[in-house]
Amino acid sequence: MAYVISSDCVSCGACSDSCPVGAISQGDEHFVIDAGSCIDCGSCAGTCPTGAISEG
């Protein structure tokens, strides 16, 4: 199951830079993860300073 980013995201971009497949992009209100591209590696979750990323 793909990771998801909650509304706790502060749009710092740390997760986007850490994603090896480029599945994270800026959404309307905060960064979002493309579930179809996410490979469930979890590297993004480890870089989020607010803990906004979890397994969906």
N, C-alpha and C. Protein backbone atom coordinates (compact mmCIF):
# COMPACT_ATOMS: atom_id res chain seq x y z
N MET A 1 0.85 -1.19 0.00
CA MET A 1 0.00 0.00 0.00
C MET A 1 0.89 1.25 0.00
N ALA A 2 0.55 2.22 -0.78
CA ALA A 2 1.34 3.43 -0.93
C ALA A 2 1.32 4.29 0.33
N TYR A 3 2.35 5.09 0.47
CA TYR A 3 2.41 6.04 1.57
C TYR A 3 1.52 7.24 1.24
N VAL A 4 1.06 7.94 2.27
CA VAL A 4 0.23 9.13 2.09
C VAL A 4 0.77 10.27 2.95
N ILE A 5 0.48 11.48 2.53
CA ILE A 5 0.92 12.67 3.25
C ILE A 5 -0.31 13.36 3.83
N SER A 6 -0.29 13.61 5.13
CA SER A 6 -1.44 14.23 5.81
C SER A 6 -1.38 15.75 5.71
N SER A 7 -2.38 16.39 6.24
CA SER A 7 -2.44 17.86 6.24
C SER A 7 -1.42 18.48 7.19
N ASP A 8 -0.69 17.67 7.95
CA ASP A 8 0.39 18.18 8.80
C ASP A 8 1.60 18.62 7.98
N CYS A 9 1.59 18.33 6.68
CA CYS A 9 2.68 18.69 5.78
C CYS A 9 2.85 20.21 5.74
N VAL A 10 4.12 20.66 5.83
CA VAL A 10 4.42 22.09 5.77
C VAL A 10 5.06 22.48 4.43
N SER A 11 5.00 21.57 3.45
CA SER A 11 5.51 21.80 2.09
C SER A 11 6.99 22.20 2.05
N CYS A 12 7.81 21.53 2.86
CA CYS A 12 9.24 21.84 2.88
C CYS A 12 9.98 21.20 1.70
N GLY A 13 9.43 20.11 1.15
CA GLY A 13 10.04 19.45 0.01
C GLY A 13 11.05 18.37 0.33
N ALA A 14 11.32 18.12 1.59
CA ALA A 14 12.31 17.10 1.98
C ALA A 14 11.92 15.73 1.44
N CYS A 15 10.66 15.40 1.48
CA CYS A 15 10.20 14.09 1.02
C CYS A 15 10.36 13.94 -0.49
N SER A 16 10.08 14.98 -1.21
CA SER A 16 10.18 14.95 -2.66
C SER A 16 11.62 14.67 -3.09
N ASP A 17 12.55 15.31 -2.42
CA ASP A 17 13.97 15.12 -2.74
C ASP A 17 14.44 13.70 -2.43
N SER A 18 13.79 13.03 -1.47
CA SER A 18 14.23 11.70 -1.05
C SER A 18 13.59 10.57 -1.83
N CYS A 19 12.57 10.84 -2.62
CA CYS A 19 11.85 9.79 -3.33
C CYS A 19 12.64 9.29 -4.54
N PRO A 20 13.01 8.00 -4.54
CA PRO A 20 13.84 7.48 -5.64
C PRO A 20 13.10 7.34 -6.98
N VAL A 21 11.76 7.39 -6.97
CA VAL A 21 11.01 7.23 -8.21
C VAL A 21 10.24 8.48 -8.61
N GLY A 22 10.41 9.57 -7.88
CA GLY A 22 9.75 10.83 -8.23
C GLY A 22 8.25 10.81 -8.07
N ALA A 23 7.74 10.07 -7.07
CA ALA A 23 6.30 9.93 -6.90
C ALA A 23 5.67 11.05 -6.08
N ILE A 24 6.47 12.00 -5.60
CA ILE A 24 5.96 13.06 -4.73
C ILE A 24 6.04 14.40 -5.44
N SER A 25 4.94 15.15 -5.38
CA SER A 25 4.90 16.47 -6.00
C SER A 25 4.06 17.42 -5.16
N GLN A 26 4.20 18.71 -5.44
CA GLN A 26 3.43 19.72 -4.72
C GLN A 26 1.98 19.67 -5.17
N GLY A 27 1.08 19.52 -4.23
CA GLY A 27 -0.35 19.54 -4.53
C GLY A 27 -0.92 20.91 -4.28
N ASP A 28 -2.24 21.02 -4.27
CA ASP A 28 -2.89 22.32 -4.04
C ASP A 28 -2.60 22.88 -2.65
N GLU A 29 -2.65 22.01 -1.63
CA GLU A 29 -2.47 22.48 -0.25
C GLU A 29 -1.19 21.99 0.40
N HIS A 30 -0.69 20.84 -0.03
CA HIS A 30 0.55 20.28 0.49
C HIS A 30 1.07 19.25 -0.50
N PHE A 31 2.23 18.69 -0.22
CA PHE A 31 2.79 17.68 -1.11
C PHE A 31 1.89 16.44 -1.13
N VAL A 32 1.90 15.72 -2.24
CA VAL A 32 1.08 14.51 -2.41
C VAL A 32 1.93 13.40 -3.02
N ILE A 33 1.54 12.15 -2.77
CA ILE A 33 2.24 10.99 -3.30
C ILE A 33 1.35 10.31 -4.33
N ASP A 34 1.88 10.08 -5.52
CA ASP A 34 1.16 9.34 -6.56
C ASP A 34 1.20 7.86 -6.19
N ALA A 35 0.06 7.33 -5.77
CA ALA A 35 -0.02 5.94 -5.31
C ALA A 35 0.39 4.94 -6.39
N GLY A 36 0.18 5.27 -7.63
CA GLY A 36 0.54 4.38 -8.72
C GLY A 36 2.04 4.30 -8.97
N SER A 37 2.76 5.31 -8.55
CA SER A 37 4.21 5.34 -8.73
C SER A 37 4.99 4.94 -7.48
N CYS A 38 4.36 5.09 -6.31
CA CYS A 38 5.02 4.80 -5.04
C CYS A 38 5.42 3.33 -4.97
N ILE A 39 6.69 3.07 -4.56
CA ILE A 39 7.17 1.70 -4.46
C ILE A 39 7.23 1.23 -3.00
N ASP A 40 6.61 1.96 -2.10
CA ASP A 40 6.52 1.60 -0.68
C ASP A 40 7.87 1.43 0.00
N CYS A 41 8.85 2.22 -0.37
CA CYS A 41 10.18 2.07 0.23
C CYS A 41 10.29 2.75 1.59
N GLY A 42 9.46 3.79 1.83
CA GLY A 42 9.46 4.48 3.11
C GLY A 42 10.53 5.54 3.28
N SER A 43 11.33 5.79 2.27
CA SER A 43 12.39 6.79 2.43
C SER A 43 11.83 8.18 2.70
N CYS A 44 10.68 8.47 2.18
CA CYS A 44 10.06 9.79 2.39
C CYS A 44 9.66 9.99 3.85
N ALA A 45 9.10 8.95 4.46
CA ALA A 45 8.62 9.05 5.84
C ALA A 45 9.75 9.38 6.79
N GLY A 46 10.93 8.86 6.52
CA GLY A 46 12.07 9.11 7.38
C GLY A 46 12.62 10.52 7.29
N THR A 47 12.29 11.23 6.23
CA THR A 47 12.82 12.58 6.05
C THR A 47 11.84 13.68 6.45
N CYS A 48 10.59 13.33 6.70
CA CYS A 48 9.57 14.34 7.01
C CYS A 48 9.77 14.90 8.42
N PRO A 49 10.02 16.22 8.54
CA PRO A 49 10.25 16.81 9.87
C PRO A 49 9.00 16.90 10.73
N THR A 50 7.81 16.79 10.13
CA THR A 50 6.58 16.89 10.92
C THR A 50 5.89 15.56 11.11
N GLY A 51 6.45 14.49 10.57
CA GLY A 51 5.82 13.17 10.70
C GLY A 51 4.52 13.04 9.96
N ALA A 52 4.38 13.79 8.86
CA ALA A 52 3.13 13.83 8.11
C ALA A 52 2.94 12.67 7.14
N ILE A 53 3.95 11.80 7.01
CA ILE A 53 3.87 10.70 6.03
C ILE A 53 3.73 9.37 6.74
N SER A 54 2.74 8.60 6.29
CA SER A 54 2.52 7.28 6.87
C SER A 54 2.03 6.32 5.79
N GLU A 55 2.05 5.03 6.10
CA GLU A 55 1.51 4.06 5.15
C GLU A 55 0.01 4.23 5.09
N GLY A 56 -0.50 4.28 3.87
CA GLY A 56 -1.92 4.50 3.67
C GLY A 56 -2.63 3.25 3.64
